[in-house]
Structures are given as structure tokens and as C-alpha cells.
Amino acid sequence: MKDPLKTGFTDRLATAAEAKKALLAKMKPKPTIPDPDFDKREELRAAELEAVRKARADAKEVLRLEALAREEEALALVRGERKERKQLSKVEQKAKRDARYAARKARR
């Protein structure tokens, strides 16, 4: 009877050739199936990009408007302080003028 563990040279060559064919078949590129939603994916990406850009632009506009409002508020505060100082100086000038008039009347 033939021993199955002791294979001949030709059997080993055939086994090696089969293994090599299997390895090459494994590496061989498989046929591709084009994605039917390929065009839709590009449109979705473009829509998402547009949405992100719009959101960023809106956020930037909100920040710009807030900065503008803060600047206007600061300017109004400065103007109010200036008006208050002018008003106080007018009151002080009037008080000095009244004091001078009172002094003149007192001398007469």
C-alpha cells in the first residue's frame, strides 16, 4: 500500500502550482459595480458644504452685528458722559455768573 504522507516530486510540484494559482486568484482585482447613487452623493456633499458655509457666514454676521452694537453702545456712553460734563460745566458757569452778579449788586 502507498503511504499518503510520502508524496512524490510531481505531487509536490502540482500542490505548489495550485497554491500559487490560489494566491494569484486572491490578488486578482474583482470586477467593480458602479454605485448607482454616485451622482447623488456628490450633490449631497455640495449641499452639506453649502449648509456649513451658510452657517459659518450667519455666525460671522451675528458676531459682527454684536460687535457693532457694543461699539455703538460705547459711543453712546461716551457721548452721554460728554453731554453730562458740558451740562455740569454750564451749571457751574451759570453759578459763577450768578455769584458775580450777586457780588455786583452787593457792592451797589
PDB file of N, CA and C in Angstrom:
ATOM      1  N   MET A   1       0.839  -1.165   0.000  1.00  0.00           N
ATOM      2  CA  MET A   1       0.000   0.000   0.000  1.00  0.00           C
ATOM      3  C   MET A   1       0.894   1.242   0.000  1.00  0.00           C
ATOM      4  N   LYS A   2       0.397   2.288  -0.652  1.00  0.00           N
ATOM      5  CA  LYS A   2       1.163   3.510  -0.789  1.00  0.00           C
ATOM      6  C   LYS A   2       0.957   4.390   0.439  1.00  0.00           C
ATOM      7  N   ASP A   3       2.019   4.995   0.941  1.00  0.00           N
ATOM      8  CA  ASP A   3       1.949   5.857   2.126  1.00  0.00           C
ATOM      9  C   ASP A   3       1.486   7.249   1.683  1.00  0.00           C
ATOM     10  N   PRO A   4       0.341   7.785   2.220  1.00  0.00           N
ATOM     11  CA  PRO A   4      -0.164   9.084   1.779  1.00  0.00           C
ATOM     12  C   PRO A   4       0.719  10.244   2.240  1.00  0.00           C
ATOM     13  N   LEU A   5       1.504  10.052   3.280  1.00  0.00           N
ATOM     14  CA  LEU A   5       2.347  11.138   3.763  1.00  0.00           C
ATOM     15  C   LEU A   5       3.575  11.317   2.895  1.00  0.00           C
ATOM     16  N   LYS A   6       4.024  10.250   2.267  1.00  0.00           N
ATOM     17  CA  LYS A   6       5.195  10.347   1.410  1.00  0.00           C
ATOM     18  C   LYS A   6       4.722  10.589  -0.013  1.00  0.00           C
ATOM     19  N   THR A   7       4.683  11.852  -0.392  1.00  0.00           N
ATOM     20  CA  THR A   7       4.227  12.189  -1.734  1.00  0.00           C
ATOM     21  C   THR A   7       5.442  12.301  -2.633  1.00  0.00           C
ATOM     22  N   GLY A   8       5.199  12.133  -3.891  1.00  0.00           N
ATOM     23  CA  GLY A   8       6.296  12.199  -4.842  1.00  0.00           C
ATOM     24  C   GLY A   8       6.585  13.626  -5.247  1.00  0.00           C
ATOM     25  N   PHE A   9       7.644  13.777  -6.055  1.00  0.00           N
ATOM     26  CA  PHE A   9       8.084  15.091  -6.503  1.00  0.00           C
ATOM     27  C   PHE A   9       7.009  15.759  -7.358  1.00  0.00           C
ATOM     28  N   THR A  10       6.375  15.023  -8.200  1.00  0.00           N
ATOM     29  CA  THR A  10       5.345  15.598  -9.081  1.00  0.00           C
ATOM     30  C   THR A  10       4.126  16.058  -8.284  1.00  0.00           C
ATOM     31  N   ASP A  11       3.788  15.294  -7.240  1.00  0.00           N
ATOM     32  CA  ASP A  11       2.657  15.708  -6.399  1.00  0.00           C
ATOM     33  C   ASP A  11       2.960  17.032  -5.692  1.00  0.00           C
ATOM     34  N   ARG A  12       4.168  17.163  -5.213  1.00  0.00           N
ATOM     35  CA  ARG A  12       4.551  18.417  -4.536  1.00  0.00           C
ATOM     36  C   ARG A  12       4.568  19.583  -5.509  1.00  0.00           C
ATOM     37  N   LEU A  13       5.026  19.357  -6.727  1.00  0.00           N
ATOM     38  CA  LEU A  13       5.017  20.413  -7.737  1.00  0.00           C
ATOM     39  C   LEU A  13       3.577  20.831  -8.067  1.00  0.00           C
ATOM     40  N   ALA A  14       2.696  19.875  -8.199  1.00  0.00           N
ATOM     41  CA  ALA A  14       1.301  20.165  -8.513  1.00  0.00           C
ATOM     42  C   ALA A  14       0.647  20.933  -7.366  1.00  0.00           C
ATOM     43  N   THR A  15       0.933  20.523  -6.125  1.00  0.00           N
ATOM     44  CA  THR A  15       0.382  21.214  -4.956  1.00  0.00           C
ATOM     45  C   THR A  15       0.905  22.653  -4.882  1.00  0.00           C
ATOM     46  N   ALA A  16       2.173  22.854  -5.164  1.00  0.00           N
ATOM     47  CA  ALA A  16       2.756  24.193  -5.150  1.00  0.00           C
ATOM     48  C   ALA A  16       2.132  25.056  -6.244  1.00  0.00           C
ATOM     49  N   ALA A  17       1.919  24.473  -7.415  1.00  0.00           N
ATOM     50  CA  ALA A  17       1.308  25.220  -8.515  1.00  0.00           C
ATOM     51  C   ALA A  17      -0.123  25.619  -8.163  1.00  0.00           C
ATOM     52  N   GLU A  18      -0.864  24.724  -7.551  1.00  0.00           N
ATOM     53  CA  GLU A  18      -2.231  25.042  -7.138  1.00  0.00           C
ATOM     54  C   GLU A  18      -2.258  26.149  -6.080  1.00  0.00           C
ATOM     55  N   ALA A  19      -1.321  26.082  -5.151  1.00  0.00           N
ATOM     56  CA  ALA A  19      -1.245  27.114  -4.116  1.00  0.00           C
ATOM     57  C   ALA A  19      -0.911  28.463  -4.737  1.00  0.00           C
ATOM     58  N   LYS A  20       0.002  28.454  -5.709  1.00  0.00           N
ATOM     59  CA  LYS A  20       0.377  29.698  -6.380  1.00  0.00           C
ATOM     60  C   LYS A  20      -0.813  30.274  -7.152  1.00  0.00           C
ATOM     61  N   LYS A  21      -1.568  29.400  -7.849  1.00  0.00           N
ATOM     62  CA  LYS A  21      -2.754  29.851  -8.575  1.00  0.00           C
ATOM     63  C   LYS A  21      -3.796  30.438  -7.621  1.00  0.00           C
ATOM     64  N   ALA A  22      -3.968  29.793  -6.479  1.00  0.00           N
ATOM     65  CA  ALA A  22      -4.939  30.294  -5.490  1.00  0.00           C
ATOM     66  C   ALA A  22      -4.516  31.658  -4.964  1.00  0.00           C
ATOM     67  N   LEU A  23      -3.205  31.819  -4.725  1.00  0.00           N
ATOM     68  CA  LEU A  23      -2.698  33.098  -4.227  1.00  0.00           C
ATOM     69  C   LEU A  23      -2.885  34.190  -5.278  1.00  0.00           C
ATOM     70  N   LEU A  24      -2.594  33.878  -6.540  1.00  0.00           N
ATOM     71  CA  LEU A  24      -2.782  34.859  -7.614  1.00  0.00           C
ATOM     72  C   LEU A  24      -4.261  35.200  -7.808  1.00  0.00           C
ATOM     73  N   ALA A  25      -5.109  34.206  -7.697  1.00  0.00           N
ATOM     74  CA  ALA A  25      -6.542  34.458  -7.840  1.00  0.00           C
ATOM     75  C   ALA A  25      -7.048  35.353  -6.714  1.00  0.00           C
ATOM     76  N   LYS A  26      -6.439  35.186  -5.547  1.00  0.00           N
ATOM     77  CA  LYS A  26      -6.828  36.009  -4.400  1.00  0.00           C
ATOM     78  C   LYS A  26      -6.429  37.470  -4.623  1.00  0.00           C
ATOM     79  N   MET A  27      -5.285  37.693  -5.271  1.00  0.00           N
ATOM     80  CA  MET A  27      -4.793  39.047  -5.508  1.00  0.00           C
ATOM     81  C   MET A  27      -5.444  39.717  -6.720  1.00  0.00           C
ATOM     82  N   LYS A  28      -6.060  38.936  -7.561  1.00  0.00           N
ATOM     83  CA  LYS A  28      -6.644  39.454  -8.793  1.00  0.00           C
ATOM     84  C   LYS A  28      -7.794  40.410  -8.461  1.00  0.00           C
ATOM     85  N   PRO A  29      -7.828  41.602  -9.114  1.00  0.00           N
ATOM     86  CA  PRO A  29      -8.915  42.545  -8.817  1.00  0.00           C
ATOM     87  C   PRO A  29     -10.258  41.986  -9.256  1.00  0.00           C
ATOM     88  N   LYS A  30     -11.218  42.261  -8.427  1.00  0.00           N
ATOM     89  CA  LYS A  30     -12.563  41.772  -8.705  1.00  0.00           C
ATOM     90  C   LYS A  30     -13.300  42.808  -9.550  1.00  0.00           C
ATOM     91  N   PRO A  31     -14.228  42.380 -10.360  1.00  0.00           N
ATOM     92  CA  PRO A  31     -14.971  43.342 -11.176  1.00  0.00           C
ATOM     93  C   PRO A  31     -15.783  44.277 -10.266  1.00  0.00           C
ATOM     94  N   THR A  32     -15.765  45.566 -10.617  1.00  0.00           N
ATOM     95  CA  THR A  32     -16.462  46.550  -9.784  1.00  0.00           C
ATOM     96  C   THR A  32     -17.858  46.810 -10.334  1.00  0.00           C
ATOM     97  N   ILE A  33     -18.736  47.131  -9.434  1.00  0.00           N
ATOM     98  CA  ILE A  33     -20.099  47.507  -9.788  1.00  0.00           C
ATOM     99  C   ILE A  33     -20.223  48.986  -9.464  1.00  0.00           C
ATOM    100  N   PRO A  34     -20.521  49.811 -10.450  1.00  0.00           N
ATOM    101  CA  PRO A  34     -20.615  51.243 -10.170  1.00  0.00           C
ATOM    102  C   PRO A  34     -21.769  51.532  -9.212  1.00  0.00           C
ATOM    103  N   ASP A  35     -21.513  52.483  -8.318  1.00  0.00           N
ATOM    104  CA  ASP A  35     -22.522  52.865  -7.332  1.00  0.00           C
ATOM    105  C   ASP A  35     -23.622  53.656  -8.030  1.00  0.00           C
ATOM    106  N   PRO A  36     -24.872  53.224  -7.911  1.00  0.00           N
ATOM    107  CA  PRO A  36     -25.945  53.963  -8.583  1.00  0.00           C
ATOM    108  C   PRO A  36     -26.193  55.342  -7.961  1.00  0.00           C
ATOM    109  N   ASP A  37     -25.773  55.545  -6.713  1.00  0.00           N
ATOM    110  CA  ASP A  37     -26.004  56.818  -6.038  1.00  0.00           C
ATOM    111  C   ASP A  37     -24.782  57.737  -6.098  1.00  0.00           C
ATOM    112  N   PHE A  38     -23.866  57.471  -7.038  1.00  0.00           N
ATOM    113  CA  PHE A  38     -22.636  58.263  -7.106  1.00  0.00           C
ATOM    114  C   PHE A  38     -22.936  59.742  -7.329  1.00  0.00           C
ATOM    115  N   ASP A  39     -23.789  60.060  -8.293  1.00  0.00           N
ATOM    116  CA  ASP A  39     -24.130  61.460  -8.586  1.00  0.00           C
ATOM    117  C   ASP A  39     -24.866  62.095  -7.415  1.00  0.00           C
ATOM    118  N   LYS A  40     -25.739  61.337  -6.781  1.00  0.00           N
ATOM    119  CA  LYS A  40     -26.492  61.867  -5.641  1.00  0.00           C
ATOM    120  C   LYS A  40     -25.564  62.191  -4.480  1.00  0.00           C
ATOM    121  N   ARG A  41     -24.529  61.354  -4.284  1.00  0.00           N
ATOM    122  CA  ARG A  41     -23.588  61.613  -3.193  1.00  0.00           C
ATOM    123  C   ARG A  41     -22.861  62.929  -3.408  1.00  0.00           C
ATOM    124  N   GLU A  42     -22.490  63.208  -4.664  1.00  0.00           N
ATOM    125  CA  GLU A  42     -21.813  64.469  -4.960  1.00  0.00           C
ATOM    126  C   GLU A  42     -22.737  65.656  -4.689  1.00  0.00           C
ATOM    127  N   GLU A  43     -23.995  65.516  -5.040  1.00  0.00           N
ATOM    128  CA  GLU A  43     -24.965  66.579  -4.770  1.00  0.00           C
ATOM    129  C   GLU A  43     -25.161  66.767  -3.265  1.00  0.00           C
ATOM    130  N   LEU A  44     -25.213  65.653  -2.530  1.00  0.00           N
ATOM    131  CA  LEU A  44     -25.361  65.738  -1.072  1.00  0.00           C
ATOM    132  C   LEU A  44     -24.159  66.431  -0.438  1.00  0.00           C
ATOM    133  N   ARG A  45     -22.962  66.067  -0.915  1.00  0.00           N
ATOM    134  CA  ARG A  45     -21.760  66.722  -0.390  1.00  0.00           C
ATOM    135  C   ARG A  45     -21.801  68.218  -0.659  1.00  0.00           C
ATOM    136  N   ALA A  46     -22.185  68.589  -1.878  1.00  0.00           N
ATOM    137  CA  ALA A  46     -22.260  70.010  -2.229  1.00  0.00           C
ATOM    138  C   ALA A  46     -23.290  70.723  -1.360  1.00  0.00           C
ATOM    139  N   ALA A  47     -24.425  70.080  -1.112  1.00  0.00           N
ATOM    140  CA  ALA A  47     -25.461  70.691  -0.269  1.00  0.00           C
ATOM    141  C   ALA A  47     -24.979  70.838   1.169  1.00  0.00           C
ATOM    142  N   GLU A  48     -24.298  69.817   1.680  1.00  0.00           N
ATOM    143  CA  GLU A  48     -23.766  69.894   3.049  1.00  0.00           C
ATOM    144  C   GLU A  48     -22.725  71.000   3.155  1.00  0.00           C
ATOM    145  N   LEU A  49     -21.854  71.097   2.147  1.00  0.00           N
ATOM    146  CA  LEU A  49     -20.834  72.145   2.157  1.00  0.00           C
ATOM    147  C   LEU A  49     -21.477  73.526   2.129  1.00  0.00           C
ATOM    148  N   GLU A  50     -22.507  73.684   1.321  1.00  0.00           N
ATOM    149  CA  GLU A  50     -23.212  74.965   1.254  1.00  0.00           C
ATOM    150  C   GLU A  50     -23.883  75.293   2.584  1.00  0.00           C
ATOM    151  N   ALA A  51     -24.449  74.278   3.232  1.00  0.00           N
ATOM    152  CA  ALA A  51     -25.086  74.500   4.534  1.00  0.00           C
ATOM    153  C   ALA A  51     -24.066  74.913   5.579  1.00  0.00           C
ATOM    154  N   VAL A  52     -22.907  74.268   5.574  1.00  0.00           N
ATOM    155  CA  VAL A  52     -21.854  74.620   6.534  1.00  0.00           C
ATOM    156  C   VAL A  52     -21.366  76.041   6.279  1.00  0.00           C
ATOM    157  N   ARG A  53     -21.168  76.369   5.012  1.00  0.00           N
ATOM    158  CA  ARG A  53     -20.714  77.736   4.685  1.00  0.00           C
ATOM    159  C   ARG A  53     -21.741  78.772   5.106  1.00  0.00           C
ATOM    160  N   LYS A  54     -23.017  78.468   4.881  1.00  0.00           N
ATOM    161  CA  LYS A  54     -24.077  79.411   5.269  1.00  0.00           C
ATOM    162  C   LYS A  54     -24.120  79.576   6.783  1.00  0.00           C
ATOM    163  N   ALA A  55     -23.981  78.468   7.511  1.00  0.00           N
ATOM    164  CA  ALA A  55     -23.996  78.543   8.969  1.00  0.00           C
ATOM    165  C   ALA A  55     -22.830  79.382   9.471  1.00  0.00           C
ATOM    166  N   ARG A  56     -21.661  79.179   8.886  1.00  0.00           N
ATOM    167  CA  ARG A  56     -20.490  79.972   9.294  1.00  0.00           C
ATOM    168  C   ARG A  56     -20.690  81.444   8.974  1.00  0.00           C
ATOM    169  N   ALA A  57     -21.237  81.731   7.798  1.00  0.00           N
ATOM    170  CA  ALA A  57     -21.478  83.124   7.409  1.00  0.00           C
ATOM    171  C   ALA A  57     -22.494  83.766   8.347  1.00  0.00           C
ATOM    172  N   ASP A  58     -23.545  83.027   8.705  1.00  0.00           N
ATOM    173  CA  ASP A  58     -24.550  83.558   9.634  1.00  0.00           C
ATOM    174  C   ASP A  58     -23.942  83.835  11.000  1.00  0.00           C
ATOM    175  N   ALA A  59     -23.114  82.904  11.489  1.00  0.00           N
ATOM    176  CA  ALA A  59     -22.472  83.106  12.787  1.00  0.00           C
ATOM    177  C   ALA A  59     -21.546  84.311  12.741  1.00  0.00           C
ATOM    178  N   LYS A  60     -20.829  84.460  11.640  1.00  0.00           N
ATOM    179  CA  LYS A  60     -19.922  85.600  11.489  1.00  0.00           C
ATOM    180  C   LYS A  60     -20.703  86.911  11.456  1.00  0.00           C
ATOM    181  N   GLU A  61     -21.851  86.900  10.778  1.00  0.00           N
ATOM    182  CA  GLU A  61     -22.687  88.098  10.701  1.00  0.00           C
ATOM    183  C   GLU A  61     -23.240  88.459  12.088  1.00  0.00           C
ATOM    184  N   VAL A  62     -23.654  87.449  12.847  1.00  0.00           N
ATOM    185  CA  VAL A  62     -24.158  87.689  14.204  1.00  0.00           C
ATOM    186  C   VAL A  62     -23.060  88.320  15.062  1.00  0.00           C
ATOM    187  N   LEU A  63     -21.847  87.777  14.978  1.00  0.00           N
ATOM    188  CA  LEU A  63     -20.739  88.342  15.748  1.00  0.00           C
ATOM    189  C   LEU A  63     -20.444  89.772  15.321  1.00  0.00           C
ATOM    190  N   ARG A  64     -20.512  90.028  14.007  1.00  0.00           N
ATOM    191  CA  ARG A  64     -20.252  91.386  13.512  1.00  0.00           C
ATOM    192  C   ARG A  64     -21.314  92.354  14.032  1.00  0.00           C
ATOM    193  N   LEU A  65     -22.579  91.932  14.011  1.00  0.00           N
ATOM    194  CA  LEU A  65     -23.650  92.807  14.495  1.00  0.00           C
ATOM    195  C   LEU A  65     -23.535  93.060  15.994  1.00  0.00           C
ATOM    196  N   GLU A  66     -23.141  92.024  16.753  1.00  0.00           N
ATOM    197  CA  GLU A  66     -22.944  92.204  18.190  1.00  0.00           C
ATOM    198  C   GLU A  66     -21.810  93.182  18.462  1.00  0.00           C
ATOM    199  N   ALA A  67     -20.721  93.069  17.717  1.00  0.00           N
ATOM    200  CA  ALA A  67     -19.598  93.988  17.892  1.00  0.00           C
ATOM    201  C   ALA A  67     -20.011  95.407  17.544  1.00  0.00           C
ATOM    202  N   LEU A  68     -20.787  95.536  16.474  1.00  0.00           N
ATOM    203  CA  LEU A  68     -21.272  96.856  16.074  1.00  0.00           C
ATOM    204  C   LEU A  68     -22.178  97.448  17.148  1.00  0.00           C
ATOM    205  N   ALA A  69     -23.043  96.629  17.731  1.00  0.00           N
ATOM    206  CA  ALA A  69     -23.937  97.111  18.789  1.00  0.00           C
ATOM    207  C   ALA A  69     -23.138  97.536  20.021  1.00  0.00           C
ATOM    208  N   ARG A  70     -22.113  96.725  20.377  1.00  0.00           N
ATOM    209  CA  ARG A  70     -21.277  97.107  21.521  1.00  0.00           C
ATOM    210  C   ARG A  70     -20.544  98.424  21.259  1.00  0.00           C
ATOM    211  N   GLU A  71     -20.070  98.597  20.030  1.00  0.00           N
ATOM    212  CA  GLU A  71     -19.366  99.828  19.679  1.00  0.00           C
ATOM    213  C   GLU A  71     -20.302 101.029  19.754  1.00  0.00           C
ATOM    214  N   GLU A  72     -21.520 100.862  19.231  1.00  0.00           N
ATOM    215  CA  GLU A  72     -22.495 101.949  19.293  1.00  0.00           C
ATOM    216  C   GLU A  72     -22.868 102.273  20.733  1.00  0.00           C
ATOM    217  N   GLU A  73     -22.987 101.228  21.548  1.00  0.00           N
ATOM    218  CA  GLU A  73     -23.318 101.438  22.963  1.00  0.00           C
ATOM    219  C   GLU A  73     -22.196 102.193  23.671  1.00  0.00           C
ATOM    220  N   ALA A  74     -20.957 101.818  23.378  1.00  0.00           N
ATOM    221  CA  ALA A  74     -19.818 102.503  23.985  1.00  0.00           C
ATOM    222  C   ALA A  74     -19.771 103.954  23.521  1.00  0.00           C
ATOM    223  N   LEU A  75     -20.052 104.178  22.243  1.00  0.00           N
ATOM    224  CA  LEU A  75     -20.056 105.535  21.709  1.00  0.00           C
ATOM    225  C   LEU A  75     -21.159 106.359  22.360  1.00  0.00           C
ATOM    226  N   ALA A  76     -22.329 105.768  22.533  1.00  0.00           N
ATOM    227  CA  ALA A  76     -23.427 106.483  23.185  1.00  0.00           C
ATOM    228  C   ALA A  76     -23.069 106.812  24.630  1.00  0.00           C
ATOM    229  N   LEU A  77     -22.394 105.909  25.291  1.00  0.00           N
ATOM    230  CA  LEU A  77     -21.963 106.152  26.667  1.00  0.00           C
ATOM    231  C   LEU A  77     -20.985 107.313  26.720  1.00  0.00           C
ATOM    232  N   VAL A  78     -20.038 107.340  25.793  1.00  0.00           N
ATOM    233  CA  VAL A  78     -19.060 108.442  25.741  1.00  0.00           C
ATOM    234  C   VAL A  78     -19.776 109.751  25.451  1.00  0.00           C
ATOM    235  N   ARG A  79     -20.714 109.709  24.499  1.00  0.00           N
ATOM    236  CA  ARG A  79     -21.466 110.934  24.191  1.00  0.00           C
ATOM    237  C   ARG A  79     -22.268 111.403  25.397  1.00  0.00           C
ATOM    238  N   GLY A  80     -22.885 110.449  26.107  1.00  0.00           N
ATOM    239  CA  GLY A  80     -23.666 110.806  27.294  1.00  0.00           C
ATOM    240  C   GLY A  80     -22.793 111.440  28.366  1.00  0.00           C
ATOM    241  N   GLU A  81     -21.594 110.863  28.545  1.00  0.00           N
ATOM    242  CA  GLU A  81     -20.680 111.447  29.536  1.00  0.00           C
ATOM    243  C   GLU A  81     -20.259 112.851  29.122  1.00  0.00           C
ATOM    244  N   ARG A  82     -19.993 113.014  27.827  1.00  0.00           N
ATOM    245  CA  ARG A  82     -19.591 114.336  27.339  1.00  0.00           C
ATOM    246  C   ARG A  82     -20.722 115.339  27.532  1.00  0.00           C
ATOM    247  N   LYS A  83     -21.963 114.944  27.241  1.00  0.00           N
ATOM    248  CA  LYS A  83     -23.103 115.839  27.432  1.00  0.00           C
ATOM    249  C   LYS A  83     -23.263 116.195  28.908  1.00  0.00           C
ATOM    250  N   GLU A  84     -23.065 115.177  29.750  1.00  0.00           N
ATOM    251  CA  GLU A  84     -23.182 115.419  31.183  1.00  0.00           C
ATOM    252  C   GLU A  84     -22.117 116.407  31.656  1.00  0.00           C
ATOM    253  N   ARG A  85     -20.879 116.231  31.176  1.00  0.00           N
ATOM    254  CA  ARG A  85     -19.806 117.160  31.554  1.00  0.00           C
ATOM    255  C   ARG A  85     -20.117 118.566  31.076  1.00  0.00           C
ATOM    256  N   LYS A  86     -20.623 118.676  29.844  1.00  0.00           N
ATOM    257  CA  LYS A  86     -20.952 120.004  29.321  1.00  0.00           C
ATOM    258  C   LYS A  86     -22.069 120.640  30.143  1.00  0.00           C
ATOM    259  N   GLN A  87     -23.059 119.813  30.486  1.00  0.00           N
ATOM    260  CA  GLN A  87     -24.175 120.324  31.272  1.00  0.00           C
ATOM    261  C   GLN A  87     -23.674 120.797  32.636  1.00  0.00           C
ATOM    262  N   LEU A  88     -22.790 119.993  33.266  1.00  0.00           N
ATOM    263  CA  LEU A  88     -22.247 120.396  34.558  1.00  0.00           C
ATOM    264  C   LEU A  88     -21.434 121.679  34.427  1.00  0.00           C
ATOM    265  N   SER A  89     -20.657 121.765  33.350  1.00  0.00           N
ATOM    266  CA  SER A  89     -19.860 122.980  33.185  1.00  0.00           C
ATOM    267  C   SER A  89     -20.774 124.185  32.943  1.00  0.00           C
ATOM    268  N   LYS A  90     -21.888 123.990  32.239  1.00  0.00           N
ATOM    269  CA  LYS A  90     -22.829 125.093  32.041  1.00  0.00           C
ATOM    270  C   LYS A  90     -23.441 125.512  33.367  1.00  0.00           C
ATOM    271  N   VAL A  91     -23.777 124.517  34.196  1.00  0.00           N
ATOM    272  CA  VAL A  91     -24.349 124.820  35.502  1.00  0.00           C
ATOM    273  C   VAL A  91     -23.323 125.560  36.354  1.00  0.00           C
ATOM    274  N   GLU A  92     -22.061 125.087  36.300  1.00  0.00           N
ATOM    275  CA  GLU A  92     -21.007 125.757  37.071  1.00  0.00           C
ATOM    276  C   GLU A  92     -20.786 127.178  36.568  1.00  0.00           C
ATOM    277  N   GLN A  93     -20.781 127.355  35.239  1.00  0.00           N
ATOM    278  CA  GLN A  93     -20.608 128.696  34.679  1.00  0.00           C
ATOM    279  C   GLN A  93     -21.756 129.605  35.091  1.00  0.00           C
ATOM    280  N   LYS A  94     -22.977 129.068  35.081  1.00  0.00           N
ATOM    281  CA  LYS A  94     -24.126 129.869  35.478  1.00  0.00           C
ATOM    282  C   LYS A  94     -24.022 130.250  36.951  1.00  0.00           C
ATOM    283  N   ALA A  95     -23.559 129.296  37.777  1.00  0.00           N
ATOM    284  CA  ALA A  95     -23.413 129.587  39.206  1.00  0.00           C
ATOM    285  C   ALA A  95     -22.360 130.677  39.421  1.00  0.00           C
ATOM    286  N   LYS A  96     -21.262 130.643  38.688  1.00  0.00           N
ATOM    287  CA  LYS A  96     -20.218 131.669  38.806  1.00  0.00           C
ATOM    288  C   LYS A  96     -20.755 133.022  38.346  1.00  0.00           C
ATOM    289  N   ARG A  97     -21.487 132.987  37.232  1.00  0.00           N
ATOM    290  CA  ARG A  97     -22.047 134.228  36.703  1.00  0.00           C
ATOM    291  C   ARG A  97     -23.043 134.829  37.699  1.00  0.00           C
ATOM    292  N   ASP A  98     -23.884 133.968  38.265  1.00  0.00           N
ATOM    293  CA  ASP A  98     -24.838 134.442  39.262  1.00  0.00           C
ATOM    294  C   ASP A  98     -24.109 134.999  40.484  1.00  0.00           C
ATOM    295  N   ALA A  99     -23.013 134.360  40.858  1.00  0.00           N
ATOM    296  CA  ALA A  99     -22.238 134.849  42.001  1.00  0.00           C
ATOM    297  C   ALA A  99     -21.649 136.223  41.688  1.00  0.00           C
ATOM    298  N   ARG A 100     -21.162 136.413  40.449  1.00  0.00           N
ATOM    299  CA  ARG A 100     -20.613 137.722  40.071  1.00  0.00           C
ATOM    300  C   ARG A 100     -21.704 138.797  40.090  1.00  0.00           C
ATOM    301  N   TYR A 101     -22.871 138.465  39.543  1.00  0.00           N
ATOM    302  CA  TYR A 101     -23.970 139.422  39.561  1.00  0.00           C
ATOM    303  C   TYR A 101     -24.383 139.765  40.988  1.00  0.00           C
ATOM    304  N   ALA A 102     -24.423 138.731  41.814  1.00  0.00           N
ATOM    305  CA  ALA A 102     -24.796 138.965  43.205  1.00  0.00           C
ATOM    306  C   ALA A 102     -23.750 139.853  43.893  1.00  0.00           C
ATOM    307  N   ALA A 103     -22.483 139.657  43.561  1.00  0.00           N
ATOM    308  CA  ALA A 103     -21.418 140.458  44.140  1.00  0.00           C
ATOM    309  C   ALA A 103     -21.536 141.904  43.677  1.00  0.00           C
ATOM    310  N   ARG A 104     -21.891 142.120  42.414  1.00  0.00           N
ATOM    311  CA  ARG A 104     -22.061 143.480  41.902  1.00  0.00           C
ATOM    312  C   ARG A 104     -23.221 144.179  42.592  1.00  0.00           C
ATOM    313  N   LYS A 105     -24.323 143.438  42.767  1.00  0.00           N
ATOM    314  CA  LYS A 105     -25.477 144.035  43.422  1.00  0.00           C
ATOM    315  C   LYS A 105     -25.160 144.369  44.864  1.00  0.00           C
ATOM    316  N   ALA A 106     -24.343 143.522  45.478  1.00  0.00           N
ATOM    317  CA  ALA A 106     -23.987 143.758  46.873  1.00  0.00           C
ATOM    318  C   ALA A 106     -23.106 144.998  46.998  1.00  0.00           C
ATOM    319  N   ARG A 107     -22.280 145.297  45.996  1.00  0.00           N
ATOM    320  CA  ARG A 107     -21.406 146.454  46.048  1.00  0.00           C
ATOM    321  C   ARG A 107     -22.189 147.729  45.808  1.00  0.00           C
ATOM    322  N   ARG A 108     -23.260 147.723  45.168  1.00  0.00           N
ATOM    323  CA  ARG A 108     -24.001 148.934  44.862  1.00  0.00           C
ATOM    324  C   ARG A 108     -24.773 149.425  46.018  1.00  0.00           C
TER     325      ARG A 108
END
